[in-house]
C-alpha atoms as a PDB file:
ATOM      1  CA  MET A   1      16.601  40.456  25.656  1.00  0.00           C
ATOM      2  CA  LYS A   2      15.703  37.241  27.385  1.00  0.00           C
ATOM      3  CA  TRP A   3      12.894  36.486  29.809  1.00  0.00           C
ATOM      4  CA  VAL A   4      13.596  36.637  33.534  1.00  0.00           C
ATOM      5  CA  TYR A   5      11.633  34.000  35.444  1.00  0.00           C
ATOM      6  CA  TRP A   6      10.256  34.535  38.940  1.00  0.00           C
ATOM      7  CA  SER A   7      11.665  31.882  41.274  1.00  0.00           C
ATOM      8  CA  ARG A   8       8.334  30.457  42.434  1.00  0.00           C
ATOM      9  CA  LEU A   9       5.574  28.510  40.699  1.00  0.00           C
ATOM     10  CA  TYR A  10       1.950  28.784  41.823  1.00  0.00           C
ATOM     11  CA  ASP A  11      -0.932  26.303  41.835  1.00  0.00           C
ATOM     12  CA  SER A  12      -3.437  28.665  40.213  1.00  0.00           C
ATOM     13  CA  LYS A  13      -3.368  31.282  37.499  1.00  0.00           C
ATOM     14  CA  PHE A  14      -5.084  33.669  39.921  1.00  0.00           C
ATOM     15  CA  GLN A  15      -2.133  33.528  42.350  1.00  0.00           C
ATOM     16  CA  ALA A  16       0.358  34.252  39.584  1.00  0.00           C
ATOM     17  CA  GLY A  17      -1.868  37.071  38.314  1.00  0.00           C
ATOM     18  CA  CYS A  18      -1.851  38.618  41.792  1.00  0.00           C
ATOM     19  CA  LEU A  19       1.953  38.706  41.672  1.00  0.00           C
ATOM     20  CA  VAL A  20       1.821  40.476  38.299  1.00  0.00           C
ATOM     21  CA  GLN A  21      -0.545  43.089  39.728  1.00  0.00           C
ATOM     22  CA  ARG A  22       1.700  43.504  42.774  1.00  0.00           C
ATOM     23  CA  MET A  23       4.777  44.058  40.591  1.00  0.00           C
ATOM     24  CA  GLU A  24       2.944  46.713  38.555  1.00  0.00           C
ATOM     25  CA  HIS A  25       1.542  48.395  41.675  1.00  0.00           C
ATOM     26  CA  ASP A  26       4.930  48.502  43.420  1.00  0.00           C
ATOM     27  CA  GLY A  27       6.439  50.139  40.350  1.00  0.00           C
ATOM     28  CA  TRP A  28       3.869  52.905  40.443  1.00  0.00           C
ATOM     29  CA  VAL A  29       3.955  53.447  44.206  1.00  0.00           C
ATOM     30  CA  PHE A  30       7.712  53.307  44.774  1.00  0.00           C
ATOM     31  CA  GLY A  31       8.734  54.839  41.472  1.00  0.00           C
ATOM     32  CA  ILE A  32      10.884  51.969  40.303  1.00  0.00           C
ATOM     33  CA  GLU A  33      11.209  51.163  36.632  1.00  0.00           C
ATOM     34  CA  LEU A  34       8.630  48.664  35.408  1.00  0.00           C
ATOM     35  CA  PRO A  35       9.598  45.747  33.178  1.00  0.00           C
ATOM     36  CA  ARG A  36       8.642  46.151  29.512  1.00  0.00           C
ATOM     37  CA  GLU A  37       6.384  43.113  29.566  1.00  0.00           C
ATOM     38  CA  ILE A  38       5.105  40.861  32.363  1.00  0.00           C
ATOM     39  CA  GLU A  39       3.172  37.685  31.698  1.00  0.00           C
ATOM     40  CA  VAL A  40       1.819  34.576  33.375  1.00  0.00           C
ATOM     41  CA  TYR A  41       2.940  31.302  31.811  1.00  0.00           C
ATOM     42  CA  ARG A  42       2.077  27.659  32.395  1.00  0.00           C
ATOM     43  CA  SER A  43       4.848  25.154  33.088  1.00  0.00           C
ATOM     44  CA  ARG A  44       4.985  21.658  31.650  1.00  0.00           C
ATOM     45  CA  LYS A  45       3.752  20.226  34.954  1.00  0.00           C
ATOM     46  CA  GLY A  46       0.672  22.454  34.923  1.00  0.00           C
ATOM     47  CA  ARG A  47       1.709  25.045  37.471  1.00  0.00           C
ATOM     48  CA  TYR A  48       1.815  28.790  36.791  1.00  0.00           C
ATOM     49  CA  GLY A  49       4.703  31.209  36.928  1.00  0.00           C
ATOM     50  CA  VAL A  50       5.567  34.802  36.123  1.00  0.00           C
ATOM     51  CA  ARG A  51       8.183  35.993  33.663  1.00  0.00           C
ATOM     52  CA  TYR A  52       9.159  39.460  32.516  1.00  0.00           C
ATOM     53  CA  LEU A  53      11.394  41.356  30.136  1.00  0.00           C
ATOM     54  CA  PRO A  54      13.564  43.917  31.945  1.00  0.00           C
END
């Protein structure tokens, strides 16, 4: 499987980490299937993004 990239890049690693936590929390609360792996990555321009494996 290939990585799915979130459409937005963030200025700080903290902001991207908050999105990761939100995705995990929503999966638990609403009972939707969680991705196998979620991670924060750094782009070539120094901004942070979120990618996951469905």
